[in-house]
Amino acid sequence: MLVICLIFVVGLTPAIISAWLSARADRNEKCSQTSGAATALGQSMLKLLDSNSDMHYVDGMGYMIGDITCDLNARSPYLRCAMNPMGPCDGCTAYAPKVFDRQF
């Protein structure tokens, strides 16, 4: 009887230790990954905002660069428009104001 119990203990010990170490590693990784991702995301977003003064936040759409009142605006944080993708929007010859048709 003692031999059988000893075999079970010796056989299950590596599995129990492995499960415990795996759970501890997952918990440590999750804690460090969450704080690191938040820090990296915050730093990259600040860097993006600082580098581009032409960027505007629009509710429901996110960040956009360029003149948001122009109909040709790409509504993207990476590209202004098809006519003048890299240049400033001030003084653009292709400016097309948005036309809003409102039905009352």
PDB file of N, CA and C in Angstrom:
ATOM      1  N   MET A   1       0.821  -1.192   0.000  1.00  0.00           N
ATOM      2  CA  MET A   1       0.000   0.000   0.000  1.00  0.00           C
ATOM      3  C   MET A   1       0.864   1.255   0.000  1.00  0.00           C
ATOM      4  N   LEU A   2       1.912   1.242   0.764  1.00  0.00           N
ATOM      5  CA  LEU A   2       2.817   2.381   0.850  1.00  0.00           C
ATOM      6  C   LEU A   2       3.551   2.593  -0.474  1.00  0.00           C
ATOM      7  N   VAL A   3       3.874   1.507  -1.118  1.00  0.00           N
ATOM      8  CA  VAL A   3       4.575   1.583  -2.403  1.00  0.00           C
ATOM      9  C   VAL A   3       3.666   2.225  -3.468  1.00  0.00           C
ATOM     10  N   ILE A   4       2.398   1.867  -3.457  1.00  0.00           N
ATOM     11  CA  ILE A   4       1.445   2.426  -4.422  1.00  0.00           C
ATOM     12  C   ILE A   4       1.286   3.930  -4.203  1.00  0.00           C
ATOM     13  N   CYS A   5       1.156   4.370  -2.971  1.00  0.00           N
ATOM     14  CA  CYS A   5       1.049   5.794  -2.657  1.00  0.00           C
ATOM     15  C   CYS A   5       2.309   6.542  -3.077  1.00  0.00           C
ATOM     16  N   LEU A   6       3.449   5.945  -2.848  1.00  0.00           N
ATOM     17  CA  LEU A   6       4.717   6.563  -3.233  1.00  0.00           C
ATOM     18  C   LEU A   6       4.813   6.713  -4.753  1.00  0.00           C
ATOM     19  N   ILE A   7       4.334   5.721  -5.493  1.00  0.00           N
ATOM     20  CA  ILE A   7       4.343   5.794  -6.960  1.00  0.00           C
ATOM     21  C   ILE A   7       3.441   6.925  -7.444  1.00  0.00           C
ATOM     22  N   PHE A   8       2.255   7.061  -6.849  1.00  0.00           N
ATOM     23  CA  PHE A   8       1.356   8.157  -7.217  1.00  0.00           C
ATOM     24  C   PHE A   8       1.969   9.523  -6.916  1.00  0.00           C
ATOM     25  N   VAL A   9       2.570   9.672  -5.767  1.00  0.00           N
ATOM     26  CA  VAL A   9       3.183  10.948  -5.387  1.00  0.00           C
ATOM     27  C   VAL A   9       4.326  11.294  -6.331  1.00  0.00           C
ATOM     28  N   VAL A  10       5.195  10.338  -6.586  1.00  0.00           N
ATOM     29  CA  VAL A  10       6.339  10.561  -7.477  1.00  0.00           C
ATOM     30  C   VAL A  10       5.856  10.827  -8.901  1.00  0.00           C
ATOM     31  N   GLY A  11       4.818  10.156  -9.349  1.00  0.00           N
ATOM     32  CA  GLY A  11       4.296  10.343 -10.706  1.00  0.00           C
ATOM     33  C   GLY A  11       3.577  11.666 -10.896  1.00  0.00           C
ATOM     34  N   LEU A  12       2.853  12.133  -9.890  1.00  0.00           N
ATOM     35  CA  LEU A  12       2.081  13.366 -10.023  1.00  0.00           C
ATOM     36  C   LEU A  12       2.861  14.634  -9.659  1.00  0.00           C
ATOM     37  N   THR A  13       3.945  14.512  -8.950  1.00  0.00           N
ATOM     38  CA  THR A  13       4.707  15.685  -8.514  1.00  0.00           C
ATOM     39  C   THR A  13       5.181  16.553  -9.690  1.00  0.00           C
ATOM     40  N   PRO A  14       5.780  16.011 -10.755  1.00  0.00           N
ATOM     41  CA  PRO A  14       6.206  16.875 -11.860  1.00  0.00           C
ATOM     42  C   PRO A  14       5.035  17.601 -12.533  1.00  0.00           C
ATOM     43  N   ALA A  15       3.908  16.951 -12.669  1.00  0.00           N
ATOM     44  CA  ALA A  15       2.744  17.580 -13.293  1.00  0.00           C
ATOM     45  C   ALA A  15       2.216  18.725 -12.436  1.00  0.00           C
ATOM     46  N   ILE A  16       2.171  18.540 -11.135  1.00  0.00           N
ATOM     47  CA  ILE A  16       1.689  19.593 -10.228  1.00  0.00           C
ATOM     48  C   ILE A  16       2.645  20.778 -10.235  1.00  0.00           C
ATOM     49  N   ILE A  17       3.939  20.499 -10.180  1.00  0.00           N
ATOM     50  CA  ILE A  17       4.922  21.593 -10.206  1.00  0.00           C
ATOM     51  C   ILE A  17       4.862  22.333 -11.537  1.00  0.00           C
ATOM     52  N   SER A  18       4.728  21.618 -12.633  1.00  0.00           N
ATOM     53  CA  SER A  18       4.645  22.238 -13.951  1.00  0.00           C
ATOM     54  C   SER A  18       3.404  23.127 -14.081  1.00  0.00           C
ATOM     55  N   ALA A  19       2.266  22.658 -13.615  1.00  0.00           N
ATOM     56  CA  ALA A  19       1.038  23.451 -13.670  1.00  0.00           C
ATOM     57  C   ALA A  19       1.159  24.704 -12.822  1.00  0.00           C
ATOM     58  N   TRP A  20       1.757  24.589 -11.649  1.00  0.00           N
ATOM     59  CA  TRP A  20       1.932  25.740 -10.764  1.00  0.00           C
ATOM     60  C   TRP A  20       2.867  26.777 -11.393  1.00  0.00           C
ATOM     61  N   LEU A  21       3.990  26.336 -11.960  1.00  0.00           N
ATOM     62  CA  LEU A  21       4.933  27.259 -12.605  1.00  0.00           C
ATOM     63  C   LEU A  21       4.316  27.922 -13.841  1.00  0.00           C
ATOM     64  N   SER A  22       3.538  27.175 -14.600  1.00  0.00           N
ATOM     65  CA  SER A  22       2.883  27.722 -15.785  1.00  0.00           C
ATOM     66  C   SER A  22       1.866  28.803 -15.412  1.00  0.00           C
ATOM     67  N   ALA A  23       1.069  28.536 -14.388  1.00  0.00           N
ATOM     68  CA  ALA A  23       0.081  29.530 -13.943  1.00  0.00           C
ATOM     69  C   ALA A  23       0.776  30.783 -13.420  1.00  0.00           C
ATOM     70  N   ARG A  24       1.867  30.619 -12.692  1.00  0.00           N
ATOM     71  CA  ARG A  24       2.597  31.764 -12.163  1.00  0.00           C
ATOM     72  C   ARG A  24       3.227  32.590 -13.293  1.00  0.00           C
ATOM     73  N   ALA A  25       3.763  31.925 -14.312  1.00  0.00           N
ATOM     74  CA  ALA A  25       4.364  32.627 -15.449  1.00  0.00           C
ATOM     75  C   ALA A  25       3.300  33.389 -16.249  1.00  0.00           C
ATOM     76  N   ASP A  26       2.134  32.772 -16.455  1.00  0.00           N
ATOM     77  CA  ASP A  26       1.044  33.443 -17.162  1.00  0.00           C
ATOM     78  C   ASP A  26       0.578  34.679 -16.413  1.00  0.00           C
ATOM     79  N   ARG A  27       0.454  34.574 -15.101  1.00  0.00           N
ATOM     80  CA  ARG A  27       0.022  35.706 -14.289  1.00  0.00           C
ATOM     81  C   ARG A  27       1.044  36.850 -14.351  1.00  0.00           C
ATOM     82  N   ASN A  28       2.326  36.520 -14.258  1.00  0.00           N
ATOM     83  CA  ASN A  28       3.371  37.542 -14.337  1.00  0.00           C
ATOM     84  C   ASN A  28       3.418  38.192 -15.712  1.00  0.00           C
ATOM     85  N   GLU A  29       3.259  37.392 -16.756  1.00  0.00           N
ATOM     86  CA  GLU A  29       3.281  37.925 -18.112  1.00  0.00           C
ATOM     87  C   GLU A  29       2.088  38.848 -18.359  1.00  0.00           C
ATOM     88  N   LYS A  30       0.926  38.456 -17.869  1.00  0.00           N
ATOM     89  CA  LYS A  30      -0.269  39.270 -18.053  1.00  0.00           C
ATOM     90  C   LYS A  30      -0.130  40.615 -17.351  1.00  0.00           C
ATOM     91  N   CYS A  31       0.401  40.620 -16.149  1.00  0.00           N
ATOM     92  CA  CYS A  31       0.581  41.873 -15.410  1.00  0.00           C
ATOM     93  C   CYS A  31       1.591  42.779 -16.095  1.00  0.00           C
ATOM     94  N   SER A  32       2.706  42.245 -16.534  1.00  0.00           N
ATOM     95  CA  SER A  32       3.735  43.074 -17.167  1.00  0.00           C
ATOM     96  C   SER A  32       3.316  43.501 -18.564  1.00  0.00           C
ATOM     97  N   GLN A  33       2.575  42.671 -19.272  1.00  0.00           N
ATOM     98  CA  GLN A  33       2.153  42.994 -20.624  1.00  0.00           C
ATOM     99  C   GLN A  33       1.120  44.112 -20.627  1.00  0.00           C
ATOM    100  N   THR A  34       0.211  44.121 -19.675  1.00  0.00           N
ATOM    101  CA  THR A  34      -0.815  45.142 -19.616  1.00  0.00           C
ATOM    102  C   THR A  34      -0.213  46.509 -19.346  1.00  0.00           C
ATOM    103  N   SER A  35       0.651  46.612 -18.387  1.00  0.00           N
ATOM    104  CA  SER A  35       1.243  47.908 -18.068  1.00  0.00           C
ATOM    105  C   SER A  35       2.182  48.358 -19.172  1.00  0.00           C
ATOM    106  N   GLY A  36       2.908  47.449 -19.786  1.00  0.00           N
ATOM    107  CA  GLY A  36       3.822  47.803 -20.862  1.00  0.00           C
ATOM    108  C   GLY A  36       3.084  48.246 -22.116  1.00  0.00           C
ATOM    109  N   ALA A  37       1.975  47.589 -22.430  1.00  0.00           N
ATOM    110  CA  ALA A  37       1.205  47.955 -23.614  1.00  0.00           C
ATOM    111  C   ALA A  37       0.568  49.322 -23.447  1.00  0.00           C
ATOM    112  N   ALA A  38       0.062  49.605 -22.268  1.00  0.00           N
ATOM    113  CA  ALA A  38      -0.545  50.911 -22.030  1.00  0.00           C
ATOM    114  C   ALA A  38       0.488  52.013 -22.137  1.00  0.00           C
ATOM    115  N   THR A  39       1.667  51.778 -21.622  1.00  0.00           N
ATOM    116  CA  THR A  39       2.723  52.772 -21.696  1.00  0.00           C
ATOM    117  C   THR A  39       3.177  52.974 -23.138  1.00  0.00           C
ATOM    118  N   ALA A  40       3.372  51.889 -23.873  1.00  0.00           N
ATOM    119  CA  ALA A  40       3.819  51.988 -25.259  1.00  0.00           C
ATOM    120  C   ALA A  40       2.760  52.661 -26.123  1.00  0.00           C
ATOM    121  N   LEU A  41       1.498  52.333 -25.904  1.00  0.00           N
ATOM    122  CA  LEU A  41       0.426  52.938 -26.676  1.00  0.00           C
ATOM    123  C   LEU A  41       0.334  54.419 -26.391  1.00  0.00           C
ATOM    124  N   GLY A  42       0.438  54.799 -25.138  1.00  0.00           N
ATOM    125  CA  GLY A  42       0.376  56.210 -24.781  1.00  0.00           C
ATOM    126  C   GLY A  42       1.530  56.990 -25.360  1.00  0.00           C
ATOM    127  N   GLN A  43       2.733  56.445 -25.330  1.00  0.00           N
ATOM    128  CA  GLN A  43       3.894  57.127 -25.873  1.00  0.00           C
ATOM    129  C   GLN A  43       3.808  57.247 -27.385  1.00  0.00           C
ATOM    130  N   SER A  44       3.355  56.204 -28.069  1.00  0.00           N
ATOM    131  CA  SER A  44       3.270  56.276 -29.526  1.00  0.00           C
ATOM    132  C   SER A  44       2.186  57.257 -29.961  1.00  0.00           C
ATOM    133  N   MET A  45       1.082  57.324 -29.222  1.00  0.00           N
ATOM    134  CA  MET A  45       0.021  58.259 -29.579  1.00  0.00           C
ATOM    135  C   MET A  45       0.468  59.696 -29.340  1.00  0.00           C
ATOM    136  N   LEU A  46       1.176  59.943 -28.242  1.00  0.00           N
ATOM    137  CA  LEU A  46       1.694  61.289 -27.993  1.00  0.00           C
ATOM    138  C   LEU A  46       2.701  61.695 -29.057  1.00  0.00           C
ATOM    139  N   LYS A  47       3.551  60.762 -29.469  1.00  0.00           N
ATOM    140  CA  LYS A  47       4.535  61.052 -30.502  1.00  0.00           C
ATOM    141  C   LYS A  47       3.831  61.379 -31.818  1.00  0.00           C
ATOM    142  N   LEU A  48       2.769  60.644 -32.134  1.00  0.00           N
ATOM    143  CA  LEU A  48       2.015  60.877 -33.356  1.00  0.00           C
ATOM    144  C   LEU A  48       1.334  62.236 -33.322  1.00  0.00           C
ATOM    145  N   LEU A  49       0.770  62.587 -32.182  1.00  0.00           N
ATOM    146  CA  LEU A  49       0.095  63.875 -32.062  1.00  0.00           C
ATOM    147  C   LEU A  49       1.080  65.037 -32.092  1.00  0.00           C
ATOM    148  N   ASP A  50       2.238  64.877 -31.477  1.00  0.00           N
ATOM    149  CA  ASP A  50       3.231  65.939 -31.465  1.00  0.00           C
ATOM    150  C   ASP A  50       3.828  66.168 -32.845  1.00  0.00           C
ATOM    151  N   SER A  51       3.987  65.117 -33.611  1.00  0.00           N
ATOM    152  CA  SER A  51       4.625  65.248 -34.914  1.00  0.00           C
ATOM    153  C   SER A  51       3.704  65.874 -35.950  1.00  0.00           C
ATOM    154  N   ASN A  52       2.405  65.842 -35.752  1.00  0.00           N
ATOM    155  CA  ASN A  52       1.481  66.334 -36.757  1.00  0.00           C
ATOM    156  C   ASN A  52       0.488  67.292 -36.118  1.00  0.00           C
ATOM    157  N   SER A  53       0.678  68.577 -36.361  1.00  0.00           N
ATOM    158  CA  SER A  53      -0.236  69.563 -35.785  1.00  0.00           C
ATOM    159  C   SER A  53      -1.524  69.675 -36.593  1.00  0.00           C
ATOM    160  N   ASP A  54      -1.571  69.014 -37.745  1.00  0.00           N
ATOM    161  CA  ASP A  54      -2.735  69.059 -38.621  1.00  0.00           C
ATOM    162  C   ASP A  54      -3.756  67.982 -38.273  1.00  0.00           C
ATOM    163  N   MET A  55      -3.528  67.243 -37.176  1.00  0.00           N
ATOM    164  CA  MET A  55      -4.384  66.121 -36.817  1.00  0.00           C
ATOM    165  C   MET A  55      -5.525  66.588 -35.907  1.00  0.00           C
ATOM    166  N   HIS A  56      -6.729  66.129 -36.204  1.00  0.00           N
ATOM    167  CA  HIS A  56      -7.921  66.493 -35.434  1.00  0.00           C
ATOM    168  C   HIS A  56      -8.655  65.228 -35.026  1.00  0.00           C
ATOM    169  N   TYR A  57      -9.287  65.272 -33.845  1.00  0.00           N
ATOM    170  CA  TYR A  57     -10.082  64.129 -33.387  1.00  0.00           C
ATOM    171  C   TYR A  57     -11.541  64.409 -33.680  1.00  0.00           C
ATOM    172  N   VAL A  58     -12.205  63.457 -34.335  1.00  0.00           N
ATOM    173  CA  VAL A  58     -13.617  63.574 -34.660  1.00  0.00           C
ATOM    174  C   VAL A  58     -14.332  62.416 -33.982  1.00  0.00           C
ATOM    175  N   ASP A  59     -15.366  62.724 -33.198  1.00  0.00           N
ATOM    176  CA  ASP A  59     -16.108  61.680 -32.495  1.00  0.00           C
ATOM    177  C   ASP A  59     -16.701  60.683 -33.486  1.00  0.00           C
ATOM    178  N   GLY A  60     -16.527  59.428 -33.196  1.00  0.00           N
ATOM    179  CA  GLY A  60     -17.061  58.372 -34.034  1.00  0.00           C
ATOM    180  C   GLY A  60     -16.167  57.979 -35.191  1.00  0.00           C
ATOM    181  N   MET A  61     -15.165  58.796 -35.514  1.00  0.00           N
ATOM    182  CA  MET A  61     -14.272  58.492 -36.633  1.00  0.00           C
ATOM    183  C   MET A  61     -12.822  58.353 -36.189  1.00  0.00           C
ATOM    184  N   GLY A  62     -12.454  58.986 -35.085  1.00  0.00           N
ATOM    185  CA  GLY A  62     -11.079  58.926 -34.609  1.00  0.00           C
ATOM    186  C   GLY A  62     -10.272  60.119 -35.096  1.00  0.00           C
ATOM    187  N   TYR A  63      -8.962  59.931 -35.221  1.00  0.00           N
ATOM    188  CA  TYR A  63      -8.076  61.010 -35.646  1.00  0.00           C
ATOM    189  C   TYR A  63      -8.047  61.109 -37.164  1.00  0.00           C
ATOM    190  N   MET A  64      -8.038  62.349 -37.651  1.00  0.00           N
ATOM    191  CA  MET A  64      -7.945  62.624 -39.083  1.00  0.00           C
ATOM    192  C   MET A  64      -6.962  63.761 -39.279  1.00  0.00           C
ATOM    193  N   ILE A  65      -6.245  63.750 -40.401  1.00  0.00           N
ATOM    194  CA  ILE A  65      -5.362  64.863 -40.703  1.00  0.00           C
ATOM    195  C   ILE A  65      -5.930  65.652 -41.856  1.00  0.00           C
ATOM    196  N   GLY A  66      -5.555  66.907 -41.927  1.00  0.00           N
ATOM    197  CA  GLY A  66      -6.010  67.769 -43.004  1.00  0.00           C
ATOM    198  C   GLY A  66      -7.241  68.556 -42.601  1.00  0.00           C
ATOM    199  N   ASP A  67      -7.798  69.244 -43.591  1.00  0.00           N
ATOM    200  CA  ASP A  67      -8.982  70.078 -43.391  1.00  0.00           C
ATOM    201  C   ASP A  67     -10.212  69.182 -43.412  1.00  0.00           C
ATOM    202  N   ILE A  68     -10.874  69.067 -42.272  1.00  0.00           N
ATOM    203  CA  ILE A  68     -12.002  68.137 -42.183  1.00  0.00           C
ATOM    204  C   ILE A  68     -13.263  68.686 -42.844  1.00  0.00           C
ATOM    205  N   THR A  69     -13.241  69.958 -43.244  1.00  0.00           N
ATOM    206  CA  THR A  69     -14.403  70.514 -43.943  1.00  0.00           C
ATOM    207  C   THR A  69     -14.319  70.291 -45.445  1.00  0.00           C
ATOM    208  N   CYS A  70     -13.215  69.754 -45.946  1.00  0.00           N
ATOM    209  CA  CYS A  70     -13.045  69.499 -47.370  1.00  0.00           C
ATOM    210  C   CYS A  70     -13.706  68.170 -47.731  1.00  0.00           C
ATOM    211  N   ASP A  71     -14.391  68.148 -48.859  1.00  0.00           N
ATOM    212  CA  ASP A  71     -15.071  66.937 -49.315  1.00  0.00           C
ATOM    213  C   ASP A  71     -14.086  65.882 -49.812  1.00  0.00           C
ATOM    214  N   LEU A  72     -12.886  66.286 -50.203  1.00  0.00           N
ATOM    215  CA  LEU A  72     -11.879  65.357 -50.710  1.00  0.00           C
ATOM    216  C   LEU A  72     -11.010  64.772 -49.607  1.00  0.00           C
ATOM    217  N   ASN A  73     -11.257  65.114 -48.349  1.00  0.00           N
ATOM    218  CA  ASN A  73     -10.466  64.609 -47.233  1.00  0.00           C
ATOM    219  C   ASN A  73     -10.620  63.097 -47.148  1.00  0.00           C
ATOM    220  N   ALA A  74      -9.515  62.394 -46.908  1.00  0.00           N
ATOM    221  CA  ALA A  74      -9.534  60.926 -46.868  1.00  0.00           C
ATOM    222  C   ALA A  74     -10.089  60.393 -45.559  1.00  0.00           C
ATOM    223  N   ARG A  75     -10.267  61.251 -44.581  1.00  0.00           N
ATOM    224  CA  ARG A  75     -10.763  60.852 -43.258  1.00  0.00           C
ATOM    225  C   ARG A  75      -9.906  59.732 -42.680  1.00  0.00           C
ATOM    226  N   SER A  76      -8.605  59.958 -42.696  1.00  0.00           N
ATOM    227  CA  SER A  76      -7.635  58.969 -42.261  1.00  0.00           C
ATOM    228  C   SER A  76      -6.539  59.656 -41.449  1.00  0.00           C
ATOM    229  N   PRO A  77      -5.951  58.958 -40.474  1.00  0.00           N
ATOM    230  CA  PRO A  77      -4.834  59.555 -39.741  1.00  0.00           C
ATOM    231  C   PRO A  77      -3.523  59.480 -40.520  1.00  0.00           C
ATOM    232  N   TYR A  78      -3.511  58.881 -41.717  1.00  0.00           N
ATOM    233  CA  TYR A  78      -2.280  58.692 -42.472  1.00  0.00           C
ATOM    234  C   TYR A  78      -2.236  59.477 -43.778  1.00  0.00           C
ATOM    235  N   LEU A  79      -3.369  59.811 -44.358  1.00  0.00           N
ATOM    236  CA  LEU A  79      -3.430  60.417 -45.684  1.00  0.00           C
ATOM    237  C   LEU A  79      -4.415  61.574 -45.656  1.00  0.00           C
ATOM    238  N   ARG A  80      -4.025  62.718 -46.229  1.00  0.00           N
ATOM    239  CA  ARG A  80      -4.921  63.881 -46.250  1.00  0.00           C
ATOM    240  C   ARG A  80      -6.030  63.688 -47.286  1.00  0.00           C
ATOM    241  N   CYS A  81      -5.629  63.665 -48.559  1.00  0.00           N
ATOM    242  CA  CYS A  81      -6.600  63.499 -49.639  1.00  0.00           C
ATOM    243  C   CYS A  81      -5.901  62.944 -50.864  1.00  0.00           C
ATOM    244  N   ALA A  82      -6.663  62.646 -51.922  1.00  0.00           N
ATOM    245  CA  ALA A  82      -6.076  62.091 -53.140  1.00  0.00           C
ATOM    246  C   ALA A  82      -5.391  63.174 -53.971  1.00  0.00           C
ATOM    247  N   MET A  83      -5.860  64.386 -53.883  1.00  0.00           N
ATOM    248  CA  MET A  83      -5.312  65.468 -54.697  1.00  0.00           C
ATOM    249  C   MET A  83      -3.997  66.011 -54.141  1.00  0.00           C
ATOM    250  N   ASN A  84      -3.876  66.091 -52.829  1.00  0.00           N
ATOM    251  CA  ASN A  84      -2.696  66.670 -52.189  1.00  0.00           C
ATOM    252  C   ASN A  84      -2.361  65.845 -50.945  1.00  0.00           C
ATOM    253  N   PRO A  85      -1.887  64.596 -51.102  1.00  0.00           N
ATOM    254  CA  PRO A  85      -1.730  63.711 -49.950  1.00  0.00           C
ATOM    255  C   PRO A  85      -0.660  64.135 -48.957  1.00  0.00           C
ATOM    256  N   MET A  86       0.392  64.798 -49.395  1.00  0.00           N
ATOM    257  CA  MET A  86       1.489  65.143 -48.501  1.00  0.00           C
ATOM    258  C   MET A  86       1.498  66.605 -48.085  1.00  0.00           C
ATOM    259  N   GLY A  87       0.971  67.455 -48.916  1.00  0.00           N
ATOM    260  CA  GLY A  87       1.093  68.895 -48.681  1.00  0.00           C
ATOM    261  C   GLY A  87       0.087  69.440 -47.696  1.00  0.00           C
ATOM    262  N   PRO A  88       0.279  70.676 -47.292  1.00  0.00           N
ATOM    263  CA  PRO A  88      -0.682  71.295 -46.375  1.00  0.00           C
ATOM    264  C   PRO A  88      -1.990  71.623 -47.092  1.00  0.00           C
ATOM    265  N   CYS A  89      -3.044  71.671 -46.337  1.00  0.00           N
ATOM    266  CA  CYS A  89      -4.363  71.956 -46.906  1.00  0.00           C
ATOM    267  C   CYS A  89      -4.572  73.457 -47.131  1.00  0.00           C
ATOM    268  N   ASP A  90      -3.810  74.278 -46.445  1.00  0.00           N
ATOM    269  CA  ASP A  90      -3.954  75.730 -46.606  1.00  0.00           C
ATOM    270  C   ASP A  90      -3.562  76.139 -48.026  1.00  0.00           C
ATOM    271  N   GLY A  91      -4.463  76.792 -48.719  1.00  0.00           N
ATOM    272  CA  GLY A  91      -4.182  77.269 -50.073  1.00  0.00           C
ATOM    273  C   GLY A  91      -4.247  76.195 -51.136  1.00  0.00           C
ATOM    274  N   CYS A  92      -4.848  75.069 -50.855  1.00  0.00           N
ATOM    275  CA  CYS A  92      -4.945  73.986 -51.835  1.00  0.00           C
ATOM    276  C   CYS A  92      -5.922  74.398 -52.941  1.00  0.00           C
ATOM    277  N   THR A  93      -5.528  74.177 -54.203  1.00  0.00           N
ATOM    278  CA  THR A  93      -6.386  74.552 -55.328  1.00  0.00           C
ATOM    279  C   THR A  93      -7.532  73.565 -55.544  1.00  0.00           C
ATOM    280  N   ALA A  94      -7.439  72.385 -54.968  1.00  0.00           N
ATOM    281  CA  ALA A  94      -8.475  71.362 -55.154  1.00  0.00           C
ATOM    282  C   ALA A  94      -9.493  71.353 -54.014  1.00  0.00           C
ATOM    283  N   TYR A  95      -9.511  72.375 -53.164  1.00  0.00           N
ATOM    284  CA  TYR A  95     -10.425  72.409 -52.022  1.00  0.00           C
ATOM    285  C   TYR A  95     -11.874  72.336 -52.496  1.00  0.00           C
ATOM    286  N   ALA A  96     -12.629  71.449 -51.939  1.00  0.00           N
ATOM    287  CA  ALA A  96     -14.038  71.280 -52.276  1.00  0.00           C
ATOM    288  C   ALA A  96     -14.826  71.271 -50.974  1.00  0.00           C
ATOM    289  N   PRO A  97     -15.533  72.362 -50.659  1.00  0.00           N
ATOM    290  CA  PRO A  97     -16.278  72.384 -49.393  1.00  0.00           C
ATOM    291  C   PRO A  97     -17.402  71.364 -49.398  1.00  0.00           C
ATOM    292  N   LYS A  98     -17.686  70.837 -48.235  1.00  0.00           N
ATOM    293  CA  LYS A  98     -18.764  69.860 -48.107  1.00  0.00           C
ATOM    294  C   LYS A  98     -20.103  70.540 -48.304  1.00  0.00           C
ATOM    295  N   VAL A  99     -21.001  69.835 -48.963  1.00  0.00           N
ATOM    296  CA  VAL A  99     -22.356  70.326 -49.178  1.00  0.00           C
ATOM    297  C   VAL A  99     -23.279  69.429 -48.375  1.00  0.00           C
ATOM    298  N   PHE A 100     -24.003  70.035 -47.464  1.00  0.00           N
ATOM    299  CA  PHE A 100     -24.930  69.283 -46.635  1.00  0.00           C
ATOM    300  C   PHE A 100     -26.347  69.534 -47.115  1.00  0.00           C
ATOM    301  N   ASP A 101     -27.013  68.489 -47.521  1.00  0.00           N
ATOM    302  CA  ASP A 101     -28.420  68.585 -47.920  1.00  0.00           C
ATOM    303  C   ASP A 101     -29.261  68.178 -46.728  1.00  0.00           C
ATOM    304  N   ARG A 102     -29.909  69.144 -46.147  1.00  0.00           N
ATOM    305  CA  ARG A 102     -30.731  68.848 -44.964  1.00  0.00           C
ATOM    306  C   ARG A 102     -32.201  68.874 -45.343  1.00  0.00           C
ATOM    307  N   GLN A 103     -32.873  67.871 -44.920  1.00  0.00           N
ATOM    308  CA  GLN A 103     -34.313  67.770 -45.157  1.00  0.00           C
ATOM    309  C   GLN A 103     -35.036  68.075 -43.853  1.00  0.00           C
ATOM    310  N   PHE A 104     -35.847  69.075 -43.873  1.00  0.00           N
ATOM    311  CA  PHE A 104     -36.603  69.426 -42.660  1.00  0.00           C
ATOM    312  C   PHE A 104     -38.024  69.004 -42.764  1.00  0.00           C
TER     313      PHE A 104
END
